[in-house]
Protein backbone atom coordinates (compact mmCIF):
# COMPACT_ATOMS: atom_id res chain seq x y z
CA MET A 1 -4.00 4.27 -4.84
CA PRO A 2 -3.36 0.98 -2.99
CA GLU A 3 -1.48 1.50 0.28
CA GLY A 4 1.16 -0.73 1.83
CA HIS A 5 -1.22 -3.26 3.32
CA LYS A 6 -2.43 -4.13 -0.19
CA THR A 7 1.00 -4.77 -1.68
CA HIS A 8 1.92 -7.00 1.25
CA TYR A 9 -1.42 -8.80 0.91
CA LEU A 10 -0.85 -9.35 -2.82
CA ALA A 11 2.72 -10.54 -2.23
CA ARG A 12 1.44 -13.10 0.28
CA GLU A 13 -1.34 -14.32 -2.02
CA HIS A 14 0.82 -14.46 -5.14
CA ASN A 15 3.60 -16.28 -3.26
CA GLN A 16 1.12 -18.95 -2.24
CA ARG A 17 -0.24 -19.44 -5.75
CA TYR A 18 2.68 -18.81 -8.10
CA ALA A 19 6.04 -19.10 -6.30
CA GLY A 20 7.91 -22.24 -7.31
CA GLU A 21 6.04 -22.47 -10.62
CA ARG A 22 7.49 -22.09 -14.10
CA LEU A 23 5.26 -19.40 -15.57
CA ASP A 24 4.16 -18.59 -19.09
CA VAL A 25 4.42 -14.79 -19.15
CA SER A 26 3.17 -12.49 -21.90
CA SER A 27 2.05 -8.91 -22.50
CA PRO A 28 -1.21 -8.99 -24.45
CA GLN A 29 -1.21 -5.19 -24.55
CA GLY A 30 2.33 -5.19 -25.89
CA ARG A 31 3.84 -2.58 -23.57
CA PHE A 32 5.85 -5.17 -21.60
CA SER A 33 6.65 -7.60 -24.40
CA ASP A 34 10.44 -7.61 -24.00
CA GLY A 35 10.25 -8.00 -20.22
CA ALA A 36 7.67 -10.77 -20.53
CA ARG A 37 9.85 -12.72 -22.95
CA ALA A 38 12.82 -12.37 -20.57
CA VAL A 39 11.02 -14.16 -17.72
CA SER A 40 8.61 -16.45 -19.54
CA GLY A 41 9.41 -20.10 -18.94
CA ARG A 42 11.42 -19.31 -15.80
CA VAL A 43 10.59 -20.30 -12.24
CA LEU A 44 9.14 -17.54 -10.07
CA GLU A 45 11.21 -17.88 -6.90
CA SER A 46 9.36 -15.39 -4.68
CA VAL A 47 7.19 -12.28 -4.53
CA ARG A 48 8.19 -9.48 -2.16
CA ALA A 49 6.61 -6.21 -1.12
CA ALA A 50 8.40 -3.05 0.03
CA GLY A 51 6.11 -0.14 0.79
CA LYS A 52 3.93 0.27 -2.29
CA HIS A 53 6.28 -1.72 -4.54
CA LEU A 54 6.00 -5.35 -5.63
CA PHE A 55 8.92 -7.47 -6.84
CA TYR A 56 8.39 -10.74 -8.73
CA GLU A 57 11.76 -12.50 -8.42
CA PHE A 58 12.45 -15.02 -11.19
CA GLU A 59 15.41 -17.34 -11.42
CA GLY A 60 18.46 -15.86 -13.10
CA ASN A 61 18.31 -12.48 -11.31
CA ARG A 62 15.37 -11.30 -13.39
CA ILE A 63 12.82 -9.28 -11.43
CA VAL A 64 9.53 -7.77 -12.52
CA HIS A 65 8.99 -4.53 -10.61
CA VAL A 66 5.36 -3.42 -10.27
CA HIS A 67 3.95 -0.24 -8.78
CA LEU A 68 0.18 -0.21 -9.10
CA GLY A 69 -0.19 3.56 -8.81
CA ARG A 70 -3.72 4.92 -8.84
CA TYR A 71 -5.24 2.68 -11.49
CA GLY A 72 -3.33 -0.60 -11.40
CA SER A 73 -5.20 -3.80 -10.55
CA TYR A 74 -4.97 -7.58 -10.76
CA VAL A 75 -7.57 -10.08 -11.91
CA GLU A 76 -7.21 -13.82 -11.40
CA GLN A 77 -8.87 -16.81 -13.00
CA THR A 78 -8.22 -20.50 -13.20
CA SER A 79 -6.06 -21.98 -15.97
CA PRO A 80 -6.38 -22.43 -18.84
CA PRO A 81 -7.57 -18.79 -19.06
CA GLU A 82 -10.11 -17.04 -21.17
CA PRO A 83 -8.74 -14.67 -23.85
CA PRO A 84 -7.44 -11.39 -22.39
CA GLN A 85 -10.01 -8.67 -21.83
CA GLY A 86 -9.04 -4.99 -22.01
CA GLN A 87 -5.52 -3.60 -21.73
CA VAL A 88 -3.63 -6.40 -20.00
CA ARG A 89 -0.04 -5.26 -19.39
CA LEU A 90 1.13 -8.62 -18.04
CA ARG A 91 -0.35 -12.10 -18.04
CA ALA A 92 1.27 -14.89 -15.99
CA ILE A 93 -0.07 -18.42 -16.39
CA SER A 94 0.64 -21.29 -14.00
CA PRO A 95 -0.82 -24.80 -14.31
CA THR A 96 -3.67 -23.83 -11.97
CA HIS A 97 -4.07 -20.03 -12.01
CA THR A 98 -3.73 -17.07 -14.35
CA LEU A 99 -2.86 -13.54 -13.21
CA ASP A 100 -3.65 -10.45 -15.31
CA LEU A 101 -2.23 -7.01 -14.51
CA ARG A 102 -3.90 -3.89 -15.86
CA GLY A 103 -3.08 -0.19 -15.62
CA PRO A 104 0.01 -0.10 -13.35
CA SER A 105 2.09 3.04 -13.19
CA GLN A 106 5.20 0.85 -13.32
CA CYS A 107 5.82 -2.60 -14.78
CA ARG A 108 9.43 -3.17 -15.80
CA LEU A 109 12.22 -5.72 -15.79
CA ILE A 110 15.05 -5.00 -13.33
CA ASP A 111 17.84 -6.87 -11.55
CA SER A 112 18.72 -7.19 -7.86
CA GLU A 113 20.98 -4.12 -7.95
CA VAL A 114 18.14 -1.87 -9.11
CA GLN A 115 15.80 -3.55 -6.64
CA LYS A 116 18.20 -2.71 -3.81
CA SER A 117 18.38 0.93 -4.91
CA ILE A 118 14.57 1.16 -4.84
CA CYS A 119 14.35 -0.41 -1.39
CA ASP A 120 17.21 1.78 -0.09
CA SER A 121 15.27 4.88 -1.16
CA LEU A 122 12.31 3.91 1.04
CA GLY A 123 11.80 4.65 4.70
CA PRO A 124 11.01 1.91 7.24
CA ASP A 125 7.99 -0.21 6.34
CA PRO A 126 5.68 -0.84 9.34
CA LEU A 127 4.70 -4.19 7.84
CA SER A 128 8.29 -5.36 7.45
CA GLY A 129 9.52 -4.62 10.93
CA GLY A 130 10.55 -1.05 10.11
CA LYS A 131 12.22 0.72 13.01
CA LYS A 132 10.19 3.38 14.78
CA THR A 133 13.37 5.17 15.85
CA GLU A 134 14.40 5.79 12.22
CA VAL A 135 11.01 7.28 11.37
CA TRP A 136 11.07 9.44 14.48
CA SER A 137 14.56 10.68 13.62
CA ALA A 138 13.36 11.91 10.20
CA ILE A 139 10.06 13.38 11.41
CA SER A 140 11.48 15.15 14.45
CA ALA A 141 14.08 16.88 12.26
CA SER A 142 11.54 18.30 9.80
CA GLY A 143 9.51 21.49 9.91
CA LYS A 144 7.02 20.14 7.36
CA PRO A 145 3.44 19.24 8.42
CA ILE A 146 3.06 15.74 9.85
CA GLY A 147 0.20 15.16 7.38
CA GLY A 148 2.70 15.58 4.55
CA LEU A 149 5.58 13.72 6.16
CA LEU A 150 3.47 10.59 6.52
CA LEU A 151 3.04 10.47 2.73
CA ASP A 152 6.78 10.82 2.09
CA GLN A 153 7.82 7.28 1.16
CA SER A 154 11.45 8.07 2.00
CA ILE A 155 10.37 8.64 5.62
CA VAL A 156 7.87 5.82 6.11
CA ALA A 157 6.96 3.31 3.38
CA GLY A 158 3.44 2.21 2.56
CA VAL A 159 1.35 4.93 4.22
CA GLY A 160 -1.18 6.59 1.93
CA ASN A 161 -4.01 9.09 2.14
CA ILE A 162 -6.44 6.93 4.10
CA PHE A 163 -4.00 5.60 6.69
CA ARG A 164 -2.62 9.06 7.44
CA ALA A 165 -6.09 10.58 7.95
CA GLU A 166 -7.32 7.72 10.11
CA ALA A 167 -4.18 7.45 12.27
CA LEU A 168 -3.98 11.21 12.86
CA PHE A 169 -7.64 11.24 13.85
CA GLU A 170 -7.29 8.28 16.19
CA THR A 171 -4.37 9.99 17.95
CA GLY A 172 -6.01 13.43 17.97
CA LEU A 173 -3.22 15.13 16.01
CA ASP A 174 -3.65 18.17 13.80
CA PRO A 175 -2.27 17.23 10.35
CA HIS A 176 -0.70 20.69 10.05
CA ILE A 177 1.59 20.32 13.09
CA PRO A 178 5.27 20.44 12.00
CA GLY A 179 7.09 17.17 12.60
CA ASN A 180 9.60 18.86 14.87
CA LYS A 181 6.77 20.05 17.15
CA LEU A 182 5.55 16.53 17.94
CA SER A 183 6.49 15.12 21.31
CA PRO A 184 8.01 11.62 21.55
CA ASP A 185 4.81 10.42 23.25
CA GLN A 186 2.63 11.81 20.46
CA PHE A 187 4.78 10.11 17.83
CA THR A 188 4.75 6.81 19.72
CA ARG A 189 0.94 6.84 19.78
CA LEU A 190 0.86 7.70 16.08
CA TRP A 191 3.28 4.91 15.19
CA LYS A 192 1.33 2.34 17.20
CA SER A 193 -1.87 3.45 15.46
CA LEU A 194 -0.30 3.11 11.99
CA VAL A 195 1.14 -0.33 12.71
CA LYS A 196 -2.16 -1.57 14.14
CA MET A 197 -4.20 -0.26 11.21
CA MET A 198 -1.81 -1.55 8.56
CA LYS A 199 -1.68 -5.02 10.13
CA LEU A 200 -5.47 -5.14 10.21
CA GLY A 201 -5.52 -4.05 6.56
CA LEU A 202 -3.10 -6.85 5.69
CA LYS A 203 -5.27 -9.38 7.52
CA HIS A 204 -8.45 -8.40 5.64
CA GLY A 205 -6.91 -7.25 2.35
CA ARG A 206 -8.55 -3.85 2.72
CA ILE A 207 -8.35 -0.86 5.04
CA ILE A 208 -10.60 -1.09 8.12
CA THR A 209 -10.11 1.41 10.93
CA VAL A 210 -13.36 1.08 12.89
CA THR A 211 -14.12 -1.67 15.37
CA ALA A 212 -17.04 -4.05 14.96
CA LYS A 213 -18.61 -2.38 18.01
CA GLU A 214 -18.34 1.05 16.41
CA ALA A 215 -19.74 -0.22 13.12
CA GLY A 216 -22.52 -2.26 14.70
CA LYS A 217 -21.78 -5.21 12.44
CA PRO A 218 -19.00 -7.71 11.72
CA LEU A 219 -15.96 -6.20 9.99
CA LYS A 220 -16.33 -8.54 7.01
CA GLU A 221 -19.75 -7.01 6.26
CA LEU A 222 -18.51 -3.41 6.07
CA ALA A 223 -18.69 -1.72 2.68
CA GLY A 224 -17.38 1.55 1.26
CA ASN A 225 -16.46 4.21 3.78
CA GLU A 226 -18.31 2.34 6.53
CA ARG A 227 -14.82 0.95 7.15
CA PHE A 228 -13.41 4.35 8.14
CA ARG A 229 -13.90 6.76 11.02
CA ILE A 230 -13.21 10.00 9.18
CA TYR A 231 -11.92 9.53 5.63
CA GLY A 232 -14.61 10.51 3.13
CA LYS A 233 -17.08 11.36 5.90
CA MET A 234 -19.10 14.54 6.39
CA ASP A 235 -19.45 14.50 10.18
CA CYS A 236 -17.07 13.60 12.99
CA PRO A 237 -18.04 10.37 14.80
CA GLN A 238 -16.76 11.79 18.10
CA CYS A 239 -18.02 15.37 18.34
CA GLY A 240 -20.59 15.47 15.52
CA GLY A 241 -18.92 18.52 13.98
CA SER A 242 -18.16 18.98 10.30
CA ILE A 243 -15.13 17.26 8.81
CA ALA A 244 -12.67 19.65 7.17
CA VAL A 245 -10.98 18.78 3.87
CA ASP A 246 -7.69 20.56 3.27
CA SER A 247 -4.86 20.03 0.86
CA VAL A 248 -1.78 18.70 2.64
CA ALA A 249 1.14 17.55 0.47
CA SER A 250 -1.09 18.07 -2.58
CA ARG A 251 -3.58 15.44 -1.40
CA LYS A 252 -6.99 15.85 0.22
CA MET A 253 -6.73 15.59 3.99
CA HIS A 254 -9.84 14.74 6.03
CA TRP A 255 -9.68 15.87 9.64
CA CYS A 256 -11.75 17.24 12.51
CA PRO A 257 -10.72 20.75 13.65
CA GLU A 258 -12.47 20.18 16.98
CA CYS A 259 -11.01 16.79 17.91
CA GLN A 260 -7.59 17.29 16.31
CA SER A 261 -6.56 20.62 17.80
């Protein structure tokens, strides 16, 4: 599932290419036909990201809300486009580019009032200047494991399975520690790690948590889980011990029992 860096990256890219254009919008698959007709021919004013949510804001208070979920993805091509391939939920055509959306968990037409309710339900977003103090207030009041709290979008928006594993490893924190057992200093280090990693992910359009020195090659050349220190790995890069994989908040949690104790 794409994490917050990806939605912010897509919002930035789609703003550059489509904002200010009057778009021809359709739903080749048919599952978004009514919504597509409601915005087709209107100017796309802006694209915004909030956590893992994307909002395509068209003139007339008509907003397309997209949540990619686990399987959602975009494909772009130049215009005029080739015929749609596969199950295209939404196709948006500008004079120069065409955007196809496939497999999102959410693609619906909303207005600004519903958009506000979605955003109000989210915790601070590290990539939108979210306040550390608000996140700390929620975490320090909870007896749930920190590894689960980081995935709670009402506490902090945009963090997913990879960011939580990598940030907890970098700060040496056991994912099972209750939030109310963290010290302010531990949380500050964790927050700084998350912000740093998410900003780097936004810069590159993909999650990268290792340094070029650690990887032994330029970051742009990294592939697969070469980009990570611990997620999806068998052995710890620090102590050489075995990586444990537990279920925390119903998701697989990669961590090192030796280095994160």
